[in-house]
Amino acid sequence: MAALLEMTRQQVLEQFRLQPNDTGSVEVQVSLLTWRITHLTEHFKAHKHDYHSRVGLQRLVNSRRRLLNYIKREDSARYAKLLVALDLRH
């Protein structure tokens, strides 16, 4: 997760896309959501009472969970590879 924090959005896209112009695959979507979640988590370390943004964080986490459930159901090998690459547990 610390590696994602240091990356830019474009670097995350380049690392996880399957084709040169890929922005919609499940891997890219989950990686970008994880990147945003990581940045919001850092934000909450300094701003503990930012409840409005916390609701947005919950939406991002739920969206990522749904995408992970989808890829797990469709292709378990891609799912396992994605979890290892993003250092997630599901």
N, C-alpha and C. Protein backbone atom coordinates (compact mmCIF):
# COMPACT_ATOMS: atom_id res chain seq x y z
N MET A 1 0.81 -1.19 0.00
CA MET A 1 0.00 0.00 0.00
C MET A 1 0.86 1.26 0.00
N ALA A 2 2.00 1.21 0.67
CA ALA A 2 2.85 2.39 0.72
C ALA A 2 3.36 2.74 -0.67
N ALA A 3 3.58 1.74 -1.51
CA ALA A 3 4.04 2.00 -2.87
C ALA A 3 2.97 2.75 -3.67
N LEU A 4 1.70 2.41 -3.45
CA LEU A 4 0.62 3.10 -4.15
C LEU A 4 0.53 4.56 -3.74
N LEU A 5 0.86 4.85 -2.51
CA LEU A 5 0.78 6.22 -2.01
C LEU A 5 1.76 7.13 -2.72
N GLU A 6 2.90 6.57 -3.12
CA GLU A 6 3.94 7.37 -3.77
C GLU A 6 3.73 7.49 -5.27
N MET A 7 2.82 6.70 -5.84
CA MET A 7 2.60 6.71 -7.28
C MET A 7 1.58 7.78 -7.66
N THR A 8 1.67 8.24 -8.90
CA THR A 8 0.66 9.14 -9.43
C THR A 8 -0.43 8.30 -10.09
N ARG A 9 -1.52 8.95 -10.43
CA ARG A 9 -2.63 8.26 -11.08
C ARG A 9 -2.19 7.65 -12.40
N GLN A 10 -1.39 8.38 -13.15
CA GLN A 10 -0.92 7.90 -14.46
C GLN A 10 -0.02 6.68 -14.30
N GLN A 11 0.81 6.66 -13.28
CA GLN A 11 1.68 5.51 -13.04
C GLN A 11 0.87 4.27 -12.68
N VAL A 12 -0.20 4.46 -11.90
CA VAL A 12 -1.07 3.34 -11.55
C VAL A 12 -1.73 2.79 -12.81
N LEU A 13 -2.21 3.69 -13.67
CA LEU A 13 -2.81 3.27 -14.94
C LEU A 13 -1.83 2.46 -15.78
N GLU A 14 -0.61 2.94 -15.91
CA GLU A 14 0.39 2.26 -16.73
C GLU A 14 0.75 0.89 -16.18
N GLN A 15 0.76 0.76 -14.87
CA GLN A 15 1.16 -0.51 -14.27
C GLN A 15 0.08 -1.59 -14.41
N PHE A 16 -1.19 -1.22 -14.34
CA PHE A 16 -2.25 -2.21 -14.27
C PHE A 16 -3.06 -2.39 -15.55
N ARG A 17 -2.83 -1.56 -16.56
CA ARG A 17 -3.64 -1.74 -17.77
C ARG A 17 -3.19 -2.96 -18.55
N LEU A 18 -4.16 -3.56 -19.26
CA LEU A 18 -3.90 -4.77 -20.02
C LEU A 18 -3.50 -4.48 -21.45
N GLN A 19 -3.96 -3.33 -21.98
CA GLN A 19 -3.66 -2.91 -23.34
C GLN A 19 -3.24 -1.45 -23.30
N PRO A 20 -2.68 -0.92 -24.37
CA PRO A 20 -2.18 0.47 -24.34
C PRO A 20 -3.22 1.53 -23.95
N ASN A 21 -4.45 1.39 -24.39
CA ASN A 21 -5.47 2.39 -24.08
C ASN A 21 -6.49 1.91 -23.06
N ASP A 22 -6.14 0.94 -22.26
CA ASP A 22 -7.07 0.33 -21.32
C ASP A 22 -7.29 1.24 -20.11
N THR A 23 -8.53 1.66 -19.93
CA THR A 23 -8.89 2.41 -18.72
C THR A 23 -10.10 1.82 -18.04
N GLY A 24 -10.70 0.78 -18.59
CA GLY A 24 -11.94 0.28 -18.05
C GLY A 24 -11.92 -1.15 -17.56
N SER A 25 -10.78 -1.82 -17.67
CA SER A 25 -10.75 -3.20 -17.19
C SER A 25 -10.89 -3.21 -15.67
N VAL A 26 -11.28 -4.35 -15.15
CA VAL A 26 -11.50 -4.47 -13.72
C VAL A 26 -10.20 -4.19 -12.95
N GLU A 27 -9.07 -4.65 -13.48
CA GLU A 27 -7.80 -4.44 -12.81
C GLU A 27 -7.50 -2.95 -12.66
N VAL A 28 -7.72 -2.20 -13.72
CA VAL A 28 -7.46 -0.76 -13.69
C VAL A 28 -8.43 -0.08 -12.73
N GLN A 29 -9.70 -0.43 -12.79
CA GLN A 29 -10.68 0.19 -11.91
C GLN A 29 -10.37 -0.07 -10.44
N VAL A 30 -10.04 -1.31 -10.12
CA VAL A 30 -9.74 -1.66 -8.72
C VAL A 30 -8.45 -0.96 -8.27
N SER A 31 -7.46 -0.90 -9.13
CA SER A 31 -6.20 -0.26 -8.73
C SER A 31 -6.40 1.24 -8.51
N LEU A 32 -7.19 1.89 -9.36
CA LEU A 32 -7.44 3.32 -9.15
C LEU A 32 -8.28 3.57 -7.90
N LEU A 33 -9.25 2.72 -7.65
CA LEU A 33 -10.02 2.86 -6.41
C LEU A 33 -9.13 2.65 -5.19
N THR A 34 -8.23 1.69 -5.26
CA THR A 34 -7.32 1.45 -4.15
C THR A 34 -6.40 2.65 -3.95
N TRP A 35 -5.96 3.24 -5.04
CA TRP A 35 -5.11 4.44 -4.97
C TRP A 35 -5.86 5.58 -4.28
N ARG A 36 -7.11 5.80 -4.68
CA ARG A 36 -7.90 6.86 -4.06
C ARG A 36 -8.19 6.56 -2.59
N ILE A 37 -8.48 5.31 -2.26
CA ILE A 37 -8.74 4.91 -0.88
C ILE A 37 -7.50 5.15 -0.02
N THR A 38 -6.34 4.83 -0.55
CA THR A 38 -5.09 5.03 0.18
C THR A 38 -4.86 6.51 0.49
N HIS A 39 -5.12 7.36 -0.50
CA HIS A 39 -4.94 8.79 -0.29
C HIS A 39 -5.96 9.34 0.71
N LEU A 40 -7.18 8.88 0.64
CA LEU A 40 -8.18 9.34 1.61
C LEU A 40 -7.86 8.86 3.02
N THR A 41 -7.32 7.67 3.13
CA THR A 41 -6.95 7.15 4.44
C THR A 41 -5.87 8.02 5.06
N GLU A 42 -4.91 8.45 4.26
CA GLU A 42 -3.88 9.37 4.76
C GLU A 42 -4.50 10.70 5.16
N HIS A 43 -5.47 11.17 4.41
CA HIS A 43 -6.17 12.42 4.74
C HIS A 43 -6.83 12.33 6.10
N PHE A 44 -7.41 11.17 6.41
CA PHE A 44 -8.12 11.03 7.68
C PHE A 44 -7.20 10.94 8.88
N LYS A 45 -5.93 10.67 8.66
CA LYS A 45 -4.99 10.68 9.78
C LYS A 45 -4.82 12.09 10.33
N ALA A 46 -4.94 13.08 9.46
CA ALA A 46 -4.80 14.47 9.89
C ALA A 46 -6.16 15.11 10.19
N HIS A 47 -7.22 14.64 9.56
CA HIS A 47 -8.55 15.25 9.69
C HIS A 47 -9.54 14.21 10.18
N LYS A 48 -9.49 13.92 11.45
CA LYS A 48 -10.28 12.83 12.03
C LYS A 48 -11.79 13.09 11.97
N HIS A 49 -12.19 14.33 11.95
CA HIS A 49 -13.62 14.65 12.02
C HIS A 49 -14.22 15.02 10.66
N ASP A 50 -13.58 14.64 9.59
CA ASP A 50 -14.09 14.92 8.25
C ASP A 50 -15.08 13.81 7.87
N TYR A 51 -16.27 13.91 8.41
CA TYR A 51 -17.26 12.86 8.23
C TYR A 51 -17.83 12.83 6.82
N HIS A 52 -17.90 13.96 6.17
CA HIS A 52 -18.45 14.02 4.82
C HIS A 52 -17.57 13.23 3.84
N SER A 53 -16.27 13.40 3.95
CA SER A 53 -15.37 12.64 3.09
C SER A 53 -15.34 11.16 3.46
N ARG A 54 -15.61 10.86 4.72
CA ARG A 54 -15.64 9.46 5.16
C ARG A 54 -16.76 8.70 4.47
N VAL A 55 -17.88 9.37 4.21
CA VAL A 55 -18.98 8.74 3.48
C VAL A 55 -18.52 8.41 2.06
N GLY A 56 -17.79 9.32 1.44
CA GLY A 56 -17.25 9.06 0.12
C GLY A 56 -16.27 7.91 0.13
N LEU A 57 -15.47 7.82 1.18
CA LEU A 57 -14.54 6.70 1.31
C LEU A 57 -15.29 5.38 1.40
N GLN A 58 -16.37 5.34 2.15
CA GLN A 58 -17.16 4.12 2.26
C GLN A 58 -17.73 3.71 0.91
N ARG A 59 -18.14 4.69 0.11
CA ARG A 59 -18.65 4.38 -1.23
C ARG A 59 -17.56 3.79 -2.10
N LEU A 60 -16.34 4.33 -2.01
CA LEU A 60 -15.23 3.81 -2.79
C LEU A 60 -14.90 2.38 -2.38
N VAL A 61 -14.89 2.12 -1.08
CA VAL A 61 -14.57 0.78 -0.58
C VAL A 61 -15.63 -0.21 -1.04
N ASN A 62 -16.90 0.19 -0.98
CA ASN A 62 -17.97 -0.71 -1.42
C ASN A 62 -17.90 -0.98 -2.92
N SER A 63 -17.57 0.03 -3.68
CA SER A 63 -17.44 -0.14 -5.13
C SER A 63 -16.29 -1.09 -5.44
N ARG A 64 -15.16 -0.93 -4.76
CA ARG A 64 -14.03 -1.83 -4.96
C ARG A 64 -14.39 -3.26 -4.57
N ARG A 65 -15.14 -3.41 -3.49
CA ARG A 65 -15.54 -4.74 -3.04
C ARG A 65 -16.41 -5.43 -4.09
N ARG A 66 -17.35 -4.68 -4.68
CA ARG A 66 -18.20 -5.25 -5.72
C ARG A 66 -17.39 -5.68 -6.94
N LEU A 67 -16.43 -4.86 -7.35
CA LEU A 67 -15.59 -5.21 -8.49
C LEU A 67 -14.73 -6.44 -8.17
N LEU A 68 -14.21 -6.51 -6.95
CA LEU A 68 -13.41 -7.68 -6.58
C LEU A 68 -14.27 -8.94 -6.54
N ASN A 69 -15.50 -8.83 -6.07
CA ASN A 69 -16.39 -9.99 -6.09
C ASN A 69 -16.66 -10.44 -7.52
N TYR A 70 -16.83 -9.49 -8.42
CA TYR A 70 -17.08 -9.81 -9.83
C TYR A 70 -15.90 -10.56 -10.43
N ILE A 71 -14.69 -10.02 -10.25
CA ILE A 71 -13.53 -10.66 -10.88
C ILE A 71 -13.25 -12.01 -10.23
N LYS A 72 -13.54 -12.16 -8.95
CA LYS A 72 -13.36 -13.45 -8.28
C LYS A 72 -14.30 -14.49 -8.88
N ARG A 73 -15.53 -14.07 -9.16
CA ARG A 73 -16.53 -14.97 -9.74
C ARG A 73 -16.18 -15.34 -11.18
N GLU A 74 -15.63 -14.39 -11.94
CA GLU A 74 -15.38 -14.61 -13.36
C GLU A 74 -14.04 -15.30 -13.65
N ASP A 75 -12.98 -14.89 -12.94
CA ASP A 75 -11.65 -15.43 -13.24
C ASP A 75 -10.81 -15.38 -11.96
N SER A 76 -10.73 -16.50 -11.28
CA SER A 76 -10.06 -16.52 -9.98
C SER A 76 -8.55 -16.30 -10.09
N ALA A 77 -7.95 -16.64 -11.22
CA ALA A 77 -6.51 -16.42 -11.39
C ALA A 77 -6.21 -14.93 -11.46
N ARG A 78 -6.99 -14.18 -12.23
CA ARG A 78 -6.81 -12.72 -12.31
C ARG A 78 -7.07 -12.08 -10.95
N TYR A 79 -8.05 -12.61 -10.23
CA TYR A 79 -8.40 -12.11 -8.90
C TYR A 79 -7.20 -12.27 -7.95
N ALA A 80 -6.62 -13.46 -7.92
CA ALA A 80 -5.49 -13.72 -7.03
C ALA A 80 -4.29 -12.85 -7.40
N LYS A 81 -4.05 -12.69 -8.69
CA LYS A 81 -2.93 -11.87 -9.15
C LYS A 81 -3.13 -10.41 -8.76
N LEU A 82 -4.35 -9.93 -8.85
CA LEU A 82 -4.66 -8.55 -8.50
C LEU A 82 -4.50 -8.32 -6.99
N LEU A 83 -4.94 -9.26 -6.18
CA LEU A 83 -4.80 -9.11 -4.74
C LEU A 83 -3.33 -9.04 -4.34
N VAL A 84 -2.50 -9.86 -4.96
CA VAL A 84 -1.08 -9.84 -4.65
C VAL A 84 -0.44 -8.52 -5.10
N ALA A 85 -0.80 -8.07 -6.29
CA ALA A 85 -0.21 -6.85 -6.84
C ALA A 85 -0.58 -5.62 -6.00
N LEU A 86 -1.80 -5.60 -5.46
CA LEU A 86 -2.24 -4.44 -4.69
C LEU A 86 -2.06 -4.63 -3.18
N ASP A 87 -1.58 -5.80 -2.78
CA ASP A 87 -1.37 -6.11 -1.37
C ASP A 87 -2.67 -5.95 -0.58
N LEU A 88 -3.73 -6.59 -1.10
CA LEU A 88 -5.05 -6.54 -0.46
C LEU A 88 -5.40 -7.89 0.12
N ARG A 89 -6.32 -7.88 1.05
CA ARG A 89 -6.93 -9.11 1.53
C ARG A 89 -8.42 -8.97 1.34
N HIS A 90 -9.06 -10.03 0.93
CA HIS A 90 -10.49 -9.93 0.63
C HIS A 90 -11.24 -11.11 1.15
